[in-house]
Amino acid sequence: MIEIKRKKGESFDGMYRRFVKRVQQSGKIIEAKENQYFKREKNKNAKKKSALVGLSLRKQKEYLRKIGKLEEEPKRRW
């Protein structure tokens, strides 16, 4: 935690500038920005479960396409 005490006769703006400078030098802002979008990795069982769900959904879609209940999507060209 960064602590800044107001010096005798120092204006609020001066103290604020010192505080901002100290925070930037500490690297806390950069660290917070890096962790802002951090996503934990799934554990082994969760990965397996999501893979199985995706596999079953793909099989179901393929079956519906074969019997004609689902129209084929046009292939995308990038």
PDB file of N, CA and C in Angstrom:
ATOM      1  N   MET A   1       0.848  -1.173   0.000  1.00  0.00           N
ATOM      2  CA  MET A   1       0.000   0.000   0.000  1.00  0.00           C
ATOM      3  C   MET A   1       0.892   1.233   0.000  1.00  0.00           C
ATOM      4  N   ILE A   2       0.556   2.171  -0.830  1.00  0.00           N
ATOM      5  CA  ILE A   2       1.338   3.396  -0.947  1.00  0.00           C
ATOM      6  C   ILE A   2       0.746   4.447  -0.027  1.00  0.00           C
ATOM      7  N   GLU A   3       1.623   5.054   0.774  1.00  0.00           N
ATOM      8  CA  GLU A   3       1.171   6.086   1.708  1.00  0.00           C
ATOM      9  C   GLU A   3       1.880   7.393   1.405  1.00  0.00           C
ATOM     10  N   ILE A   4       1.115   8.438   1.248  1.00  0.00           N
ATOM     11  CA  ILE A   4       1.661   9.766   1.006  1.00  0.00           C
ATOM     12  C   ILE A   4       1.093  10.695   2.069  1.00  0.00           C
ATOM     13  N   LYS A   5       1.984  11.410   2.764  1.00  0.00           N
ATOM     14  CA  LYS A   5       1.531  12.392   3.753  1.00  0.00           C
ATOM     15  C   LYS A   5       1.782  13.784   3.201  1.00  0.00           C
ATOM     16  N   ARG A   6       0.873  14.654   3.483  1.00  0.00           N
ATOM     17  CA  ARG A   6       0.966  16.027   2.997  1.00  0.00           C
ATOM     18  C   ARG A   6       2.085  16.755   3.740  1.00  0.00           C
ATOM     19  N   LYS A   7       2.978  17.365   2.962  1.00  0.00           N
ATOM     20  CA  LYS A   7       4.070  18.126   3.559  1.00  0.00           C
ATOM     21  C   LYS A   7       3.553  19.481   4.023  1.00  0.00           C
ATOM     22  N   LYS A   8       4.290  20.072   4.930  1.00  0.00           N
ATOM     23  CA  LYS A   8       3.873  21.367   5.476  1.00  0.00           C
ATOM     24  C   LYS A   8       3.895  22.421   4.356  1.00  0.00           C
ATOM     25  N   GLY A   9       2.760  23.103   4.169  1.00  0.00           N
ATOM     26  CA  GLY A   9       2.664  24.151   3.158  1.00  0.00           C
ATOM     27  C   GLY A   9       2.480  23.639   1.741  1.00  0.00           C
ATOM     28  N   GLU A  10       2.307  22.334   1.579  1.00  0.00           N
ATOM     29  CA  GLU A  10       2.145  21.757   0.238  1.00  0.00           C
ATOM     30  C   GLU A  10       0.674  21.825  -0.178  1.00  0.00           C
ATOM     31  N   SER A  11       0.448  22.182  -1.431  1.00  0.00           N
ATOM     32  CA  SER A  11      -0.936  22.242  -1.930  1.00  0.00           C
ATOM     33  C   SER A  11      -1.437  20.827  -2.184  1.00  0.00           C
ATOM     34  N   PHE A  12      -2.745  20.709  -2.283  1.00  0.00           N
ATOM     35  CA  PHE A  12      -3.344  19.409  -2.568  1.00  0.00           C
ATOM     36  C   PHE A  12      -2.888  18.900  -3.927  1.00  0.00           C
ATOM     37  N   ASP A  13      -2.799  19.811  -4.914  1.00  0.00           N
ATOM     38  CA  ASP A  13      -2.372  19.408  -6.259  1.00  0.00           C
ATOM     39  C   ASP A  13      -0.958  18.841  -6.248  1.00  0.00           C
ATOM     40  N   GLY A  14      -0.084  19.462  -5.484  1.00  0.00           N
ATOM     41  CA  GLY A  14       1.288  18.975  -5.390  1.00  0.00           C
ATOM     42  C   GLY A  14       1.341  17.583  -4.765  1.00  0.00           C
ATOM     43  N   MET A  15       0.561  17.418  -3.690  1.00  0.00           N
ATOM     44  CA  MET A  15       0.514  16.115  -3.032  1.00  0.00           C
ATOM     45  C   MET A  15      -0.067  15.063  -3.981  1.00  0.00           C
ATOM     46  N   TYR A  16      -1.096  15.443  -4.718  1.00  0.00           N
ATOM     47  CA  TYR A  16      -1.724  14.519  -5.649  1.00  0.00           C
ATOM     48  C   TYR A  16      -0.749  14.095  -6.746  1.00  0.00           C
ATOM     49  N   ARG A  17       0.040  15.043  -7.251  1.00  0.00           N
ATOM     50  CA  ARG A  17       1.030  14.717  -8.289  1.00  0.00           C
ATOM     51  C   ARG A  17       2.068  13.730  -7.753  1.00  0.00           C
ATOM     52  N   ARG A  18       2.513  13.964  -6.514  1.00  0.00           N
ATOM     53  CA  ARG A  18       3.484  13.037  -5.905  1.00  0.00           C
ATOM     54  C   ARG A  18       2.877  11.640  -5.760  1.00  0.00           C
ATOM     55  N   PHE A  19       1.615  11.613  -5.358  1.00  0.00           N
ATOM     56  CA  PHE A  19       0.935  10.321  -5.189  1.00  0.00           C
ATOM     57  C   PHE A  19       0.846   9.572  -6.514  1.00  0.00           C
ATOM     58  N   VAL A  20       0.410  10.275  -7.575  1.00  0.00           N
ATOM     59  CA  VAL A  20       0.266   9.651  -8.892  1.00  0.00           C
ATOM     60  C   VAL A  20       1.618   9.142  -9.388  1.00  0.00           C
ATOM     61  N   LYS A  21       2.657   9.935  -9.182  1.00  0.00           N
ATOM     62  CA  LYS A  21       4.002   9.538  -9.606  1.00  0.00           C
ATOM     63  C   LYS A  21       4.451   8.281  -8.864  1.00  0.00           C
ATOM     64  N   ARG A  22       4.186   8.238  -7.565  1.00  0.00           N
ATOM     65  CA  ARG A  22       4.584   7.085  -6.758  1.00  0.00           C
ATOM     66  C   ARG A  22       3.814   5.827  -7.181  1.00  0.00           C
ATOM     67  N   VAL A  23       2.545   5.974  -7.493  1.00  0.00           N
ATOM     68  CA  VAL A  23       1.738   4.831  -7.930  1.00  0.00           C
ATOM     69  C   VAL A  23       2.253   4.306  -9.263  1.00  0.00           C
ATOM     70  N   GLN A  24       2.580   5.200 -10.183  1.00  0.00           N
ATOM     71  CA  GLN A  24       3.098   4.768 -11.484  1.00  0.00           C
ATOM     72  C   GLN A  24       4.437   4.062 -11.335  1.00  0.00           C
ATOM     73  N   GLN A  25       5.289   4.561 -10.454  1.00  0.00           N
ATOM     74  CA  GLN A  25       6.592   3.946 -10.261  1.00  0.00           C
ATOM     75  C   GLN A  25       6.487   2.570  -9.610  1.00  0.00           C
ATOM     76  N   SER A  26       5.466   2.374  -8.794  1.00  0.00           N
ATOM     77  CA  SER A  26       5.320   1.098  -8.102  1.00  0.00           C
ATOM     78  C   SER A  26       4.900  -0.019  -9.061  1.00  0.00           C
ATOM     79  N   GLY A  27       4.244   0.324 -10.169  1.00  0.00           N
ATOM     80  CA  GLY A  27       3.823  -0.681 -11.147  1.00  0.00           C
ATOM     81  C   GLY A  27       2.490  -1.324 -10.816  1.00  0.00           C
ATOM     82  N   LYS A  28       1.784  -0.786  -9.836  1.00  0.00           N
ATOM     83  CA  LYS A  28       0.501  -1.364  -9.434  1.00  0.00           C
ATOM     84  C   LYS A  28      -0.557  -1.229 -10.536  1.00  0.00           C
ATOM     85  N   ILE A  29      -0.539  -0.121 -11.261  1.00  0.00           N
ATOM     86  CA  ILE A  29      -1.529   0.092 -12.320  1.00  0.00           C
ATOM     87  C   ILE A  29      -1.314  -0.910 -13.451  1.00  0.00           C
ATOM     88  N   ILE A  30      -0.070  -1.111 -13.846  1.00  0.00           N
ATOM     89  CA  ILE A  30       0.243  -2.063 -14.915  1.00  0.00           C
ATOM     90  C   ILE A  30      -0.154  -3.472 -14.486  1.00  0.00           C
ATOM     91  N   GLU A  31       0.141  -3.809 -13.244  1.00  0.00           N
ATOM     92  CA  GLU A  31      -0.205  -5.129 -12.720  1.00  0.00           C
ATOM     93  C   GLU A  31      -1.722  -5.336 -12.731  1.00  0.00           C
ATOM     94  N   ALA A  32      -2.471  -4.323 -12.342  1.00  0.00           N
ATOM     95  CA  ALA A  32      -3.929  -4.425 -12.313  1.00  0.00           C
ATOM     96  C   ALA A  32      -4.490  -4.576 -13.730  1.00  0.00           C
ATOM     97  N   LYS A  33      -3.925  -3.846 -14.693  1.00  0.00           N
ATOM     98  CA  LYS A  33      -4.394  -3.943 -16.073  1.00  0.00           C
ATOM     99  C   LYS A  33      -4.107  -5.322 -16.660  1.00  0.00           C
ATOM    100  N   GLU A  34      -2.970  -5.914 -16.292  1.00  0.00           N
ATOM    101  CA  GLU A  34      -2.633  -7.247 -16.781  1.00  0.00           C
ATOM    102  C   GLU A  34      -3.609  -8.285 -16.233  1.00  0.00           C
ATOM    103  N   ASN A  35      -4.013  -8.114 -14.978  1.00  0.00           N
ATOM    104  CA  ASN A  35      -4.894  -9.093 -14.345  1.00  0.00           C
ATOM    105  C   ASN A  35      -6.367  -8.836 -14.631  1.00  0.00           C
ATOM    106  N   GLN A  36      -6.692  -7.758 -15.297  1.00  0.00           N
ATOM    107  CA  GLN A  36      -8.077  -7.369 -15.511  1.00  0.00           C
ATOM    108  C   GLN A  36      -8.860  -8.438 -16.269  1.00  0.00           C
ATOM    109  N   TYR A  37      -8.269  -9.018 -17.291  1.00  0.00           N
ATOM    110  CA  TYR A  37      -8.968  -9.991 -18.123  1.00  0.00           C
ATOM    111  C   TYR A  37      -8.432 -11.403 -17.924  1.00  0.00           C
ATOM    112  N   PHE A  38      -7.836 -11.668 -16.781  1.00  0.00           N
ATOM    113  CA  PHE A  38      -7.268 -12.981 -16.498  1.00  0.00           C
ATOM    114  C   PHE A  38      -8.380 -14.010 -16.382  1.00  0.00           C
ATOM    115  N   LYS A  39      -8.207 -15.131 -17.053  1.00  0.00           N
ATOM    116  CA  LYS A  39      -9.168 -16.218 -16.975  1.00  0.00           C
ATOM    117  C   LYS A  39      -8.451 -17.466 -16.477  1.00  0.00           C
ATOM    118  N   ARG A  40      -9.022 -18.069 -15.450  1.00  0.00           N
ATOM    119  CA  ARG A  40      -8.425 -19.295 -14.943  1.00  0.00           C
ATOM    120  C   ARG A  40      -8.603 -20.409 -15.956  1.00  0.00           C
ATOM    121  N   GLU A  41      -7.612 -21.304 -16.021  1.00  0.00           N
ATOM    122  CA  GLU A  41      -7.728 -22.447 -16.917  1.00  0.00           C
ATOM    123  C   GLU A  41      -8.683 -23.463 -16.308  1.00  0.00           C
ATOM    124  N   LYS A  42      -9.399 -24.167 -17.174  1.00  0.00           N
ATOM    125  CA  LYS A  42     -10.292 -25.213 -16.697  1.00  0.00           C
ATOM    126  C   LYS A  42      -9.460 -26.394 -16.212  1.00  0.00           C
ATOM    127  N   ASN A  43      -9.975 -27.103 -15.222  1.00  0.00           N
ATOM    128  CA  ASN A  43      -9.261 -28.296 -14.787  1.00  0.00           C
ATOM    129  C   ASN A  43      -9.512 -29.434 -15.776  1.00  0.00           C
ATOM    130  N   LYS A  44      -8.841 -30.546 -15.552  1.00  0.00           N
ATOM    131  CA  LYS A  44      -8.869 -31.647 -16.511  1.00  0.00           C
ATOM    132  C   LYS A  44     -10.287 -32.182 -16.732  1.00  0.00           C
ATOM    133  N   ASN A  45     -11.037 -32.361 -15.654  1.00  0.00           N
ATOM    134  CA  ASN A  45     -12.389 -32.911 -15.781  1.00  0.00           C
ATOM    135  C   ASN A  45     -13.319 -31.948 -16.510  1.00  0.00           C
ATOM    136  N   ALA A  46     -13.193 -30.654 -16.244  1.00  0.00           N
ATOM    137  CA  ALA A  46     -14.045 -29.673 -16.910  1.00  0.00           C
ATOM    138  C   ALA A  46     -13.740 -29.635 -18.404  1.00  0.00           C
ATOM    139  N   LYS A  47     -12.465 -29.757 -18.782  1.00  0.00           N
ATOM    140  CA  LYS A  47     -12.095 -29.786 -20.198  1.00  0.00           C
ATOM    141  C   LYS A  47     -12.725 -30.988 -20.895  1.00  0.00           C
ATOM    142  N   LYS A  48     -12.644 -32.145 -20.228  1.00  0.00           N
ATOM    143  CA  LYS A  48     -13.213 -33.365 -20.811  1.00  0.00           C
ATOM    144  C   LYS A  48     -14.721 -33.231 -20.985  1.00  0.00           C
ATOM    145  N   LYS A  49     -15.372 -32.695 -19.948  1.00  0.00           N
ATOM    146  CA  LYS A  49     -16.825 -32.564 -19.985  1.00  0.00           C
ATOM    147  C   LYS A  49     -17.263 -31.630 -21.114  1.00  0.00           C
ATOM    148  N   SER A  50     -16.581 -30.482 -21.261  1.00  0.00           N
ATOM    149  CA  SER A  50     -16.962 -29.547 -22.315  1.00  0.00           C
ATOM    150  C   SER A  50     -16.668 -30.132 -23.698  1.00  0.00           C
ATOM    151  N   ALA A  51     -15.608 -30.919 -23.812  1.00  0.00           N
ATOM    152  CA  ALA A  51     -15.298 -31.563 -25.090  1.00  0.00           C
ATOM    153  C   ALA A  51     -16.386 -32.568 -25.455  1.00  0.00           C
ATOM    154  N   LEU A  52     -16.863 -33.319 -24.462  1.00  0.00           N
ATOM    155  CA  LEU A  52     -17.919 -34.296 -24.722  1.00  0.00           C
ATOM    156  C   LEU A  52     -19.230 -33.619 -25.101  1.00  0.00           C
ATOM    157  N   VAL A  53     -19.538 -32.508 -24.465  1.00  0.00           N
ATOM    158  CA  VAL A  53     -20.758 -31.768 -24.801  1.00  0.00           C
ATOM    159  C   VAL A  53     -20.679 -31.261 -26.235  1.00  0.00           C
ATOM    160  N   GLY A  54     -19.535 -30.684 -26.604  1.00  0.00           N
ATOM    161  CA  GLY A  54     -19.355 -30.194 -27.972  1.00  0.00           C
ATOM    162  C   GLY A  54     -19.461 -31.304 -28.995  1.00  0.00           C
ATOM    163  N   LEU A  55     -18.889 -32.450 -28.643  1.00  0.00           N
ATOM    164  CA  LEU A  55     -18.941 -33.599 -29.550  1.00  0.00           C
ATOM    165  C   LEU A  55     -20.378 -34.069 -29.764  1.00  0.00           C
ATOM    166  N   SER A  56     -21.146 -34.142 -28.687  1.00  0.00           N
ATOM    167  CA  SER A  56     -22.527 -34.598 -28.823  1.00  0.00           C
ATOM    168  C   SER A  56     -23.362 -33.591 -29.614  1.00  0.00           C
ATOM    169  N   LEU A  57     -23.118 -32.294 -29.421  1.00  0.00           N
ATOM    170  CA  LEU A  57     -23.845 -31.278 -30.186  1.00  0.00           C
ATOM    171  C   LEU A  57     -23.515 -31.368 -31.671  1.00  0.00           C
ATOM    172  N   ARG A  58     -22.245 -31.593 -31.993  1.00  0.00           N
ATOM    173  CA  ARG A  58     -21.852 -31.732 -33.391  1.00  0.00           C
ATOM    174  C   ARG A  58     -22.511 -32.948 -34.038  1.00  0.00           C
ATOM    175  N   LYS A  59     -22.565 -34.058 -33.295  1.00  0.00           N
ATOM    176  CA  LYS A  59     -23.208 -35.267 -33.828  1.00  0.00           C
ATOM    177  C   LYS A  59     -24.692 -35.017 -34.075  1.00  0.00           C
ATOM    178  N   GLN A  60     -25.328 -34.328 -33.144  1.00  0.00           N
ATOM    179  CA  GLN A  60     -26.755 -34.041 -33.274  1.00  0.00           C
ATOM    180  C   GLN A  60     -27.020 -33.144 -34.488  1.00  0.00           C
ATOM    181  N   LYS A  61     -26.188 -32.127 -34.685  1.00  0.00           N
ATOM    182  CA  LYS A  61     -26.347 -31.237 -35.846  1.00  0.00           C
ATOM    183  C   LYS A  61     -26.151 -32.003 -37.150  1.00  0.00           C
ATOM    184  N   GLU A  62     -25.138 -32.846 -37.173  1.00  0.00           N
ATOM    185  CA  GLU A  62     -24.855 -33.621 -38.382  1.00  0.00           C
ATOM    186  C   GLU A  62     -26.030 -34.548 -38.719  1.00  0.00           C
ATOM    187  N   TYR A  63     -26.598 -35.162 -37.700  1.00  0.00           N
ATOM    188  CA  TYR A  63     -27.758 -36.042 -37.910  1.00  0.00           C
ATOM    189  C   TYR A  63     -28.934 -35.247 -38.491  1.00  0.00           C
ATOM    190  N   LEU A  64     -29.202 -34.064 -37.917  1.00  0.00           N
ATOM    191  CA  LEU A  64     -30.304 -33.235 -38.409  1.00  0.00           C
ATOM    192  C   LEU A  64     -30.066 -32.781 -39.848  1.00  0.00           C
ATOM    193  N   ARG A  65     -28.812 -32.521 -40.220  1.00  0.00           N
ATOM    194  CA  ARG A  65     -28.499 -32.154 -41.604  1.00  0.00           C
ATOM    195  C   ARG A  65     -28.779 -33.323 -42.542  1.00  0.00           C
ATOM    196  N   LYS A  66     -28.405 -34.526 -42.098  1.00  0.00           N
ATOM    197  CA  LYS A  66     -28.571 -35.708 -42.949  1.00  0.00           C
ATOM    198  C   LYS A  66     -30.033 -36.012 -43.213  1.00  0.00           C
ATOM    199  N   ILE A  67     -30.886 -35.816 -42.216  1.00  0.00           N
ATOM    200  CA  ILE A  67     -32.299 -36.133 -42.426  1.00  0.00           C
ATOM    201  C   ILE A  67     -33.060 -34.962 -43.027  1.00  0.00           C
ATOM    202  N   GLY A  68     -32.382 -33.826 -43.223  1.00  0.00           N
ATOM    203  CA  GLY A  68     -32.981 -32.701 -43.917  1.00  0.00           C
ATOM    204  C   GLY A  68     -33.738 -31.729 -43.039  1.00  0.00           C
ATOM    205  N   LYS A  69     -33.601 -31.821 -41.738  1.00  0.00           N
ATOM    206  CA  LYS A  69     -34.305 -30.910 -40.843  1.00  0.00           C
ATOM    207  C   LYS A  69     -33.512 -29.635 -40.585  1.00  0.00           C
ATOM    208  N   LEU A  70     -32.250 -29.648 -40.959  1.00  0.00           N
ATOM    209  CA  LEU A  70     -31.391 -28.487 -40.737  1.00  0.00           C
ATOM    210  C   LEU A  70     -30.686 -28.160 -42.044  1.00  0.00           C
ATOM    211  N   GLU A  71     -30.839 -26.910 -42.492  1.00  0.00           N
ATOM    212  CA  GLU A  71     -30.195 -26.515 -43.746  1.00  0.00           C
ATOM    213  C   GLU A  71     -28.694 -26.356 -43.549  1.00  0.00           C
ATOM    214  N   GLU A  72     -27.967 -26.686 -44.601  1.00  0.00           N
ATOM    215  CA  GLU A  72     -26.520 -26.521 -44.520  1.00  0.00           C
ATOM    216  C   GLU A  72     -26.173 -25.054 -44.613  1.00  0.00           C
ATOM    217  N   GLU A  73     -25.237 -24.648 -43.797  1.00  0.00           N
ATOM    218  CA  GLU A  73     -24.798 -23.252 -43.809  1.00  0.00           C
ATOM    219  C   GLU A  73     -23.801 -23.061 -44.944  1.00  0.00           C
ATOM    220  N   PRO A  74     -23.876 -21.937 -45.651  1.00  0.00           N
ATOM    221  CA  PRO A  74     -22.906 -21.711 -46.718  1.00  0.00           C
ATOM    222  C   PRO A  74     -21.501 -21.534 -46.106  1.00  0.00           C
ATOM    223  N   LYS A  75     -20.513 -22.038 -46.836  1.00  0.00           N
ATOM    224  CA  LYS A  75     -19.144 -21.913 -46.336  1.00  0.00           C
ATOM    225  C   LYS A  75     -18.710 -20.460 -46.379  1.00  0.00           C
ATOM    226  N   ARG A  76     -18.060 -20.045 -45.320  1.00  0.00           N
ATOM    227  CA  ARG A  76     -17.626 -18.650 -45.225  1.00  0.00           C
ATOM    228  C   ARG A  76     -16.301 -18.466 -45.946  1.00  0.00           C
ATOM    229  N   ARG A  77     -16.188 -17.341 -46.602  1.00  0.00           N
ATOM    230  CA  ARG A  77     -14.926 -16.992 -47.255  1.00  0.00           C
ATOM    231  C   ARG A  77     -14.397 -15.742 -46.592  1.00  0.00           C
ATOM    232  N   TRP A  78     -13.227 -15.814 -46.120  1.00  0.00           N
ATOM    233  CA  TRP A  78     -12.617 -14.668 -45.428  1.00  0.00           C
ATOM    234  C   TRP A  78     -11.907 -13.836 -46.380  1.00  0.00           C
TER     235      TRP A  78
END
